Amino acid sequence: MSTMITYLTSVWKLNLTGAAAVVNVYAGAVAVMPLGMLFVVDTVIGNYWLIILSSCAYTMVS
């Protein structure tokens, strides 16, 4: 995260407080995103379709 703060302060010319706020929002979004995906999988997609989709995505990337 310190690399991201350095990038935001040097390239984007943000002050340290603004860069720390951006990094905190990013860290919070990363922490909450699995819960959102869990809700989507349980209510919309279903477990078997998720396994099929993730297997296809893994095969395409590999």
Protein backbone atom coordinates (compact mmCIF):
# COMPACT_ATOMS: atom_id res chain seq x y z
CA MET A 1 0.00 0.00 0.00
CA SER A 2 2.91 2.34 0.58
CA THR A 3 3.81 2.03 -3.09
CA MET A 4 0.30 3.16 -4.00
CA ILE A 5 0.57 6.16 -1.67
CA THR A 6 3.92 7.07 -3.22
CA TYR A 7 2.42 6.83 -6.70
CA LEU A 8 -0.58 8.96 -5.78
CA THR A 9 1.54 11.66 -4.18
CA SER A 10 4.22 11.82 -6.88
CA VAL A 11 2.35 11.18 -10.14
CA TRP A 12 -1.15 12.39 -9.33
CA LYS A 13 0.17 15.19 -7.10
CA LEU A 14 -2.24 14.42 -4.26
CA ASN A 15 -1.39 15.45 -0.74
CA LEU A 16 -0.63 12.73 1.76
CA THR A 17 -4.05 12.94 3.39
CA GLY A 18 -5.88 12.54 0.08
CA ALA A 19 -3.66 9.64 -0.96
CA ALA A 20 -4.27 7.89 2.36
CA ALA A 21 -8.02 8.36 1.91
CA VAL A 22 -7.89 6.77 -1.55
CA VAL A 23 -5.89 3.83 -0.23
CA ASN A 24 -8.31 3.35 2.69
CA VAL A 25 -11.31 3.32 0.34
CA TYR A 26 -9.53 0.81 -1.88
CA ALA A 27 -8.70 -1.45 1.08
CA GLY A 28 -12.30 -1.27 2.29
CA ALA A 29 -13.66 -2.15 -1.14
CA VAL A 30 -11.30 -5.11 -1.39
CA ALA A 31 -12.44 -6.32 2.03
CA VAL A 32 -16.17 -6.01 1.28
CA MET A 33 -16.17 -7.30 -2.31
CA PRO A 34 -16.11 -11.03 -1.41
CA LEU A 35 -19.31 -10.58 0.59
CA GLY A 36 -21.01 -8.94 -2.37
CA MET A 37 -19.88 -11.70 -4.70
CA LEU A 38 -21.06 -14.31 -2.19
CA PHE A 39 -24.51 -12.73 -2.20
CA VAL A 40 -24.63 -12.64 -6.02
CA VAL A 41 -23.54 -16.26 -6.30
CA ASP A 42 -26.03 -17.50 -3.73
CA THR A 43 -29.02 -15.59 -5.05
CA VAL A 44 -28.48 -15.27 -8.79
CA ILE A 45 -25.97 -17.67 -10.27
CA GLY A 46 -25.97 -20.77 -8.11
CA ASN A 47 -23.03 -22.88 -7.06
CA TYR A 48 -22.86 -25.20 -10.07
CA TRP A 49 -22.97 -22.38 -12.61
CA LEU A 50 -20.24 -20.58 -10.72
CA ILE A 51 -18.04 -23.68 -10.90
CA ILE A 52 -18.65 -23.93 -14.64
CA LEU A 53 -17.96 -20.23 -15.24
CA SER A 54 -14.83 -20.18 -13.13
CA SER A 55 -13.54 -23.34 -14.80
CA CYS A 56 -14.07 -21.80 -18.23
CA ALA A 57 -12.36 -18.58 -17.16
CA TYR A 58 -9.43 -20.50 -15.72
CA THR A 59 -9.11 -22.56 -18.92
CA MET A 60 -9.12 -19.41 -21.08
CA VAL A 61 -6.43 -17.73 -18.98
CA SER A 62 -4.16 -20.75 -18.64
